[in-house]
PDB file of N, CA and C in Angstrom:
ATOM      1  N   UNK A   1      48.518 -40.421 -13.059  1.00  0.00           N
ATOM      2  CA  UNK A   1      49.003 -39.650 -11.935  1.00  0.00           C
ATOM      3  C   UNK A   1      47.841 -39.025 -11.164  1.00  0.00           C
ATOM      4  N   UNK A   2      46.821 -38.596 -11.894  1.00  0.00           N
ATOM      5  CA  UNK A   2      45.665 -37.969 -11.277  1.00  0.00           C
ATOM      6  C   UNK A   2      44.941 -38.950 -10.349  1.00  0.00           C
ATOM      7  N   UNK A   3      44.815 -40.205 -10.771  1.00  0.00           N
ATOM      8  CA  UNK A   3      44.125 -41.199  -9.947  1.00  0.00           C
ATOM      9  C   UNK A   3      44.934 -41.551  -8.702  1.00  0.00           C
ATOM     10  N   UNK A   4      46.251 -41.606  -8.839  1.00  0.00           N
ATOM     11  CA  UNK A   4      47.102 -41.919  -7.687  1.00  0.00           C
ATOM     12  C   UNK A   4      46.999 -40.812  -6.641  1.00  0.00           C
ATOM     13  N   UNK A   5      47.090 -39.558  -7.086  1.00  0.00           N
ATOM     14  CA  UNK A   5      46.970 -38.442  -6.145  1.00  0.00           C
ATOM     15  C   UNK A   5      45.575 -38.377  -5.531  1.00  0.00           C
ATOM     16  N   UNK A   6      44.562 -38.708  -6.297  1.00  0.00           N
ATOM     17  CA  UNK A   6      43.201 -38.752  -5.757  1.00  0.00           C
ATOM     18  C   UNK A   6      43.059 -39.808  -4.677  1.00  0.00           C
ATOM     19  N   UNK A   7      43.669 -40.969  -4.899  1.00  0.00           N
ATOM     20  CA  UNK A   7      43.625 -42.034  -3.895  1.00  0.00           C
ATOM     21  C   UNK A   7      44.389 -41.637  -2.630  1.00  0.00           C
ATOM     22  N   UNK A   8      45.564 -41.041  -2.807  1.00  0.00           N
ATOM     23  CA  UNK A   8      46.348 -40.579  -1.657  1.00  0.00           C
ATOM     24  C   UNK A   8      45.567 -39.527  -0.883  1.00  0.00           C
ATOM     25  N   UNK A   9      44.899 -38.632  -1.587  1.00  0.00           N
ATOM     26  CA  UNK A   9      44.070 -37.607  -0.950  1.00  0.00           C
ATOM     27  C   UNK A   9      42.954 -38.250  -0.131  1.00  0.00           C
ATOM     28  N   UNK A  10      42.298 -39.243  -0.705  1.00  0.00           N
ATOM     29  CA  UNK A  10      41.221 -39.935  -0.010  1.00  0.00           C
ATOM     30  C   UNK A  10      41.725 -40.605   1.269  1.00  0.00           C
ATOM     31  N   UNK A  11      42.867 -41.284   1.178  1.00  0.00           N
ATOM     32  CA  UNK A  11      43.419 -41.973   2.352  1.00  0.00           C
ATOM     33  C   UNK A  11      43.796 -40.975   3.445  1.00  0.00           C
ATOM     34  N   UNK A  12      44.419 -39.856   3.063  1.00  0.00           N
ATOM     35  CA  UNK A  12      44.798 -38.852   4.059  1.00  0.00           C
ATOM     36  C   UNK A  12      43.575 -38.262   4.752  1.00  0.00           C
ATOM     37  N   UNK A  13      42.541 -37.956   3.990  1.00  0.00           N
ATOM     38  CA  UNK A  13      41.325 -37.383   4.582  1.00  0.00           C
ATOM     39  C   UNK A  13      40.642 -38.390   5.504  1.00  0.00           C
ATOM     40  N   UNK A  14      40.557 -39.645   5.073  1.00  0.00           N
ATOM     41  CA  UNK A  14      39.914 -40.669   5.913  1.00  0.00           C
ATOM     42  C   UNK A  14      40.704 -40.885   7.201  1.00  0.00           C
ATOM     43  N   UNK A  15      42.034 -40.922   7.114  1.00  0.00           N
ATOM     44  CA  UNK A  15      42.850 -41.093   8.319  1.00  0.00           C
ATOM     45  C   UNK A  15      42.704 -39.894   9.258  1.00  0.00           C
ATOM     46  N   UNK A  16      42.649 -38.697   8.696  1.00  0.00           N
ATOM     47  CA  UNK A  16      42.486 -37.506   9.517  1.00  0.00           C
ATOM     48  C   UNK A  16      41.135 -37.458  10.208  1.00  0.00           C
ATOM     49  N   UNK A  17      40.076 -37.740   9.462  1.00  0.00           N
ATOM     50  CA  UNK A  17      38.728 -37.735  10.052  1.00  0.00           C
ATOM     51  C   UNK A  17      38.609 -38.855  11.088  1.00  0.00           C
ATOM     52  N   UNK A  18      39.196 -40.006  10.795  1.00  0.00           N
ATOM     53  CA  UNK A  18      39.194 -41.100  11.776  1.00  0.00           C
ATOM     54  C   UNK A  18      39.921 -40.724  13.051  1.00  0.00           C
ATOM     55  N   UNK A  19      41.021 -39.985  12.921  1.00  0.00           N
ATOM     56  CA  UNK A  19      41.749 -39.530  14.102  1.00  0.00           C
ATOM     57  C   UNK A  19      40.960 -38.541  14.933  1.00  0.00           C
ATOM     58  N   UNK A  20      40.251 -37.643  14.267  1.00  0.00           N
ATOM     59  CA  UNK A  20      39.419 -36.662  14.987  1.00  0.00           C
ATOM     60  C   UNK A  20      38.262 -37.371  15.691  1.00  0.00           C
ATOM     61  N   UNK A  21      37.608 -38.290  14.990  1.00  0.00           N
ATOM     62  CA  UNK A  21      36.490 -39.028  15.600  1.00  0.00           C
ATOM     63  C   UNK A  21      36.989 -39.857  16.782  1.00  0.00           C
ATOM     64  N   UNK A  22      38.142 -40.480  16.639  1.00  0.00           N
ATOM     65  CA  UNK A  22      38.688 -41.273  17.745  1.00  0.00           C
ATOM     66  C   UNK A  22      39.032 -40.391  18.941  1.00  0.00           C
ATOM     67  N   UNK A  23      39.555 -39.225  18.688  1.00  0.00           N
ATOM     68  CA  UNK A  23      39.941 -38.338  19.792  1.00  0.00           C
ATOM     69  C   UNK A  23      38.731 -37.874  20.590  1.00  0.00           C
ATOM     70  N   UNK A  24      37.655 -37.533  19.914  1.00  0.00           N
ATOM     71  CA  UNK A  24      36.491 -36.980  20.607  1.00  0.00           C
ATOM     72  C   UNK A  24      35.501 -38.031  21.097  1.00  0.00           C
ATOM     73  N   UNK A  25      35.412 -39.175  20.420  1.00  0.00           N
ATOM     74  CA  UNK A  25      34.397 -40.150  20.810  1.00  0.00           C
ATOM     75  C   UNK A  25      34.969 -41.475  21.307  1.00  0.00           C
ATOM     76  N   UNK A  26      36.222 -41.781  20.965  1.00  0.00           N
ATOM     77  CA  UNK A  26      36.799 -43.047  21.370  1.00  0.00           C
ATOM     78  C   UNK A  26      36.548 -44.178  20.394  1.00  0.00           C
ATOM     79  N   UNK A  27      35.779 -43.934  19.346  1.00  0.00           N
ATOM     80  CA  UNK A  27      35.546 -44.954  18.331  1.00  0.00           C
ATOM     81  C   UNK A  27      36.811 -45.152  17.515  1.00  0.00           C
ATOM     82  N   UNK A  28      36.859 -46.181  16.724  1.00  0.00           N
ATOM     83  CA  UNK A  28      37.989 -46.513  15.852  1.00  0.00           C
ATOM     84  C   UNK A  28      39.272 -46.707  16.663  1.00  0.00           C
ATOM     85  N   UNK A  29      39.172 -47.362  17.808  1.00  0.00           N
ATOM     86  CA  UNK A  29      40.335 -47.567  18.673  1.00  0.00           C
ATOM     87  C   UNK A  29      41.378 -48.413  17.949  1.00  0.00           C
ATOM     88  N   UNK A  30      42.550 -47.851  17.726  1.00  0.00           N
ATOM     89  CA  UNK A  30      43.625 -48.550  17.052  1.00  0.00           C
ATOM     90  C   UNK A  30      43.442 -48.682  15.556  1.00  0.00           C
ATOM     91  N   UNK A  31      42.441 -48.058  15.004  1.00  0.00           N
ATOM     92  CA  UNK A  31      42.126 -48.195  13.591  1.00  0.00           C
ATOM     93  C   UNK A  31      42.996 -47.301  12.721  1.00  0.00           C
ATOM     94  N   UNK A  32      43.216 -46.107  13.172  1.00  0.00           N
ATOM     95  CA  UNK A  32      43.897 -45.132  12.334  1.00  0.00           C
ATOM     96  C   UNK A  32      45.393 -45.093  12.535  1.00  0.00           C
ATOM     97  N   UNK A  33      46.031 -44.356  11.675  1.00  0.00           N
ATOM     98  CA  UNK A  33      47.474 -44.195  11.708  1.00  0.00           C
ATOM     99  C   UNK A  33      47.914 -43.351  12.898  1.00  0.00           C
ATOM    100  N   UNK A  34      47.135 -42.351  13.249  1.00  0.00           N
ATOM    101  CA  UNK A  34      47.491 -41.423  14.316  1.00  0.00           C
ATOM    102  C   UNK A  34      47.602 -42.143  15.658  1.00  0.00           C
ATOM    103  N   UNK A  35      46.725 -43.095  15.923  1.00  0.00           N
ATOM    104  CA  UNK A  35      46.721 -43.793  17.212  1.00  0.00           C
ATOM    105  C   UNK A  35      47.939 -44.700  17.370  1.00  0.00           C
ATOM    106  N   UNK A  36      48.572 -45.083  16.272  1.00  0.00           N
ATOM    107  CA  UNK A  36      49.692 -46.027  16.324  1.00  0.00           C
ATOM    108  C   UNK A  36      51.057 -45.356  16.382  1.00  0.00           C
ATOM    109  N   UNK A  37      51.132 -44.071  16.122  1.00  0.00           N
ATOM    110  CA  UNK A  37      52.417 -43.371  16.105  1.00  0.00           C
ATOM    111  C   UNK A  37      52.680 -42.829  17.505  1.00  0.00           C
ATOM    112  N   UNK A  38      53.745 -43.321  18.137  1.00  0.00           N
ATOM    113  CA  UNK A  38      54.006 -43.014  19.538  1.00  0.00           C
ATOM    114  C   UNK A  38      54.437 -41.588  19.817  1.00  0.00           C
ATOM    115  N   UNK A  39      55.205 -40.976  18.916  1.00  0.00           N
ATOM    116  CA  UNK A  39      55.719 -39.641  19.208  1.00  0.00           C
ATOM    117  C   UNK A  39      54.655 -38.550  19.061  1.00  0.00           C
ATOM    118  N   UNK A  40      53.462 -38.903  18.625  1.00  0.00           N
ATOM    119  CA  UNK A  40      52.366 -37.934  18.538  1.00  0.00           C
ATOM    120  C   UNK A  40      51.506 -37.916  19.796  1.00  0.00           C
ATOM    121  N   UNK A  41      51.967 -38.573  20.839  1.00  0.00           N
ATOM    122  CA  UNK A  41      51.225 -38.628  22.102  1.00  0.00           C
ATOM    123  C   UNK A  41      50.945 -37.218  22.613  1.00  0.00           C
ATOM    124  N   UNK A  42      49.679 -36.893  22.751  1.00  0.00           N
ATOM    125  CA  UNK A  42      49.277 -35.571  23.208  1.00  0.00           C
ATOM    126  C   UNK A  42      48.994 -34.596  22.075  1.00  0.00           C
ATOM    127  N   UNK A  43      49.383 -34.947  20.872  1.00  0.00           N
ATOM    128  CA  UNK A  43      49.183 -34.068  19.714  1.00  0.00           C
ATOM    129  C   UNK A  43      48.340 -34.741  18.630  1.00  0.00           C
ATOM    130  N   UNK A  44      47.538 -35.707  19.022  1.00  0.00           N
ATOM    131  CA  UNK A  44      46.782 -36.479  18.046  1.00  0.00           C
ATOM    132  C   UNK A  44      45.799 -35.619  17.254  1.00  0.00           C
ATOM    133  N   UNK A  45      45.124 -34.704  17.925  1.00  0.00           N
ATOM    134  CA  UNK A  45      44.110 -33.897  17.246  1.00  0.00           C
ATOM    135  C   UNK A  45      44.760 -32.956  16.224  1.00  0.00           C
ATOM    136  N   UNK A  46      45.920 -32.417  16.570  1.00  0.00           N
ATOM    137  CA  UNK A  46      46.617 -31.534  15.632  1.00  0.00           C
ATOM    138  C   UNK A  46      47.120 -32.313  14.417  1.00  0.00           C
ATOM    139  N   UNK A  47      47.638 -33.510  14.657  1.00  0.00           N
ATOM    140  CA  UNK A  47      48.117 -34.343  13.556  1.00  0.00           C
ATOM    141  C   UNK A  47      46.962 -34.787  12.665  1.00  0.00           C
ATOM    142  N   UNK A  48      45.821 -35.100  13.262  1.00  0.00           N
ATOM    143  CA  UNK A  48      44.656 -35.513  12.480  1.00  0.00           C
ATOM    144  C   UNK A  48      44.142 -34.358  11.624  1.00  0.00           C
ATOM    145  N   UNK A  49      44.094 -33.173  12.191  1.00  0.00           N
ATOM    146  CA  UNK A  49      43.668 -32.008  11.412  1.00  0.00           C
ATOM    147  C   UNK A  49      44.662 -31.702  10.301  1.00  0.00           C
ATOM    148  N   UNK A  50      45.946 -31.898  10.581  1.00  0.00           N
ATOM    149  CA  UNK A  50      46.967 -31.686   9.549  1.00  0.00           C
ATOM    150  C   UNK A  50      46.803 -32.693   8.411  1.00  0.00           C
ATOM    151  N   UNK A  51      46.419 -33.928   8.729  1.00  0.00           N
ATOM    152  CA  UNK A  51      46.182 -34.918   7.676  1.00  0.00           C
ATOM    153  C   UNK A  51      44.999 -34.537   6.806  1.00  0.00           C
ATOM    154  N   UNK A  52      43.947 -34.008   7.413  1.00  0.00           N
ATOM    155  CA  UNK A  52      42.784 -33.579   6.626  1.00  0.00           C
ATOM    156  C   UNK A  52      43.169 -32.431   5.704  1.00  0.00           C
ATOM    157  N   UNK A  53      43.895 -31.451   6.231  1.00  0.00           N
ATOM    158  CA  UNK A  53      44.316 -30.308   5.410  1.00  0.00           C
ATOM    159  C   UNK A  53      45.250 -30.769   4.295  1.00  0.00           C
ATOM    160  N   UNK A  54      46.171 -31.664   4.618  1.00  0.00           N
ATOM    161  CA  UNK A  54      47.085 -32.188   3.607  1.00  0.00           C
ATOM    162  C   UNK A  54      46.336 -32.978   2.540  1.00  0.00           C
ATOM    163  N   UNK A  55      45.340 -33.733   2.950  1.00  0.00           N
ATOM    164  CA  UNK A  55      44.528 -34.477   1.987  1.00  0.00           C
ATOM    165  C   UNK A  55      43.764 -33.569   1.039  1.00  0.00           C
ATOM    166  N   UNK A  56      43.227 -32.483   1.564  1.00  0.00           N
ATOM    167  CA  UNK A  56      42.530 -31.514   0.706  1.00  0.00           C
ATOM    168  C   UNK A  56      43.516 -30.859  -0.256  1.00  0.00           C
ATOM    169  N   UNK A  57      44.714 -30.547   0.223  1.00  0.00           N
ATOM    170  CA  UNK A  57      45.727 -29.932  -0.633  1.00  0.00           C
ATOM    171  C   UNK A  57      46.176 -30.887  -1.739  1.00  0.00           C
ATOM    172  N   UNK A  58      46.359 -32.152  -1.403  1.00  0.00           N
ATOM    173  CA  UNK A  58      46.749 -33.130  -2.421  1.00  0.00           C
ATOM    174  C   UNK A  58      45.612 -33.323  -3.424  1.00  0.00           C
ATOM    175  N   UNK A  59      44.373 -33.297  -2.950  1.00  0.00           N
ATOM    176  CA  UNK A  59      43.234 -33.394  -3.866  1.00  0.00           C
ATOM    177  C   UNK A  59      43.164 -32.221  -4.819  1.00  0.00           C
ATOM    178  N   UNK A  60      43.437 -31.030  -4.319  1.00  0.00           N
ATOM    179  CA  UNK A  60      43.465 -29.854  -5.190  1.00  0.00           C
ATOM    180  C   UNK A  60      44.613 -29.942  -6.184  1.00  0.00           C
ATOM    181  N   UNK A  61      45.742 -30.466  -5.733  1.00  0.00           N
ATOM    182  CA  UNK A  61      46.892 -30.622  -6.633  1.00  0.00           C
ATOM    183  C   UNK A  61      46.602 -31.674  -7.700  1.00  0.00           C
ATOM    184  N   UNK A  62      45.855 -32.705  -7.358  1.00  0.00           N
ATOM    185  CA  UNK A  62      45.537 -33.727  -8.354  1.00  0.00           C
ATOM    186  C   UNK A  62      44.626 -33.157  -9.440  1.00  0.00           C
ATOM    187  N   UNK A  63      43.730 -32.268  -9.062  1.00  0.00           N
ATOM    188  CA  UNK A  63      42.890 -31.611 -10.066  1.00  0.00           C
ATOM    189  C   UNK A  63      43.721 -30.711 -10.969  1.00  0.00           C
ATOM    190  N   UNK A  64      44.696 -30.028 -10.389  1.00  0.00           N
ATOM    191  CA  UNK A  64      45.565 -29.143 -11.170  1.00  0.00           C
ATOM    192  C   UNK A  64      46.443 -29.941 -12.123  1.00  0.00           C
ATOM    193  N   UNK A  65      47.015 -31.040 -11.625  1.00  0.00           N
ATOM    194  CA  UNK A  65      47.865 -31.883 -12.470  1.00  0.00           C
ATOM    195  C   UNK A  65      47.040 -32.485 -13.597  1.00  0.00           C
ATOM    196  N   UNK A  66      45.841 -32.912 -13.294  1.00  0.00           N
ATOM    197  CA  UNK A  66      44.977 -33.499 -14.330  1.00  0.00           C
ATOM    198  C   UNK A  66      44.584 -32.478 -15.381  1.00  0.00           C
ATOM    199  N   UNK A  67      44.363 -31.239 -14.980  1.00  0.00           N
ATOM    200  CA  UNK A  67      43.987 -30.197 -15.931  1.00  0.00           C
ATOM    201  C   UNK A  67      45.126 -29.797 -16.839  1.00  0.00           C
ATOM    202  N   UNK A  68      46.341 -29.727 -16.322  1.00  0.00           N
ATOM    203  CA  UNK A  68      47.503 -29.330 -17.125  1.00  0.00           C
ATOM    204  C   UNK A  68      47.913 -30.430 -18.085  1.00  0.00           C
ATOM    205  N   UNK A  69      47.732 -31.689 -17.700  1.00  0.00           N
ATOM    206  CA  UNK A  69      48.133 -32.781 -18.573  1.00  0.00           C
ATOM    207  C   UNK A  69      47.258 -32.832 -19.822  1.00  0.00           C
ATOM    208  N   UNK A  70      45.984 -32.501 -19.660  1.00  0.00           N
ATOM    209  CA  UNK A  70      45.082 -32.526 -20.805  1.00  0.00           C
ATOM    210  C   UNK A  70      45.285 -31.366 -21.756  1.00  0.00           C
ATOM    211  N   UNK A  71      45.819 -30.240 -21.304  1.00  0.00           N
ATOM    212  CA  UNK A  71      45.998 -29.062 -22.144  1.00  0.00           C
ATOM    213  C   UNK A  71      47.211 -29.176 -23.054  1.00  0.00           C
ATOM    214  N   UNK A  72      48.185 -29.994 -22.672  1.00  0.00           N
ATOM    215  CA  UNK A  72      49.417 -30.083 -23.438  1.00  0.00           C
ATOM    216  C   UNK A  72      49.265 -30.869 -24.727  1.00  0.00           C
ATOM    217  N   UNK A  73      48.200 -31.603 -24.885  1.00  0.00           N
ATOM    218  CA  UNK A  73      48.040 -32.465 -26.070  1.00  0.00           C
ATOM    219  C   UNK A  73      47.245 -31.826 -27.130  1.00  0.00           C
TER     220      UNK A  73
END
């Protein structure tokens, strides 16, 4: 479970950073998830920042889940 949450955290952070870089520089055109979602038109930077924050939160949760699983044995 710890590895799955770590991978999800990594993907969320990469998608968020890619969205921020695309918004400010124009690189990664069509590469990220944020650029492909139509209803986020005009709110791309907020959604990208939310993905980064969510990725950090999931990463912190994966560390917590990994720590509790080892203590029970």
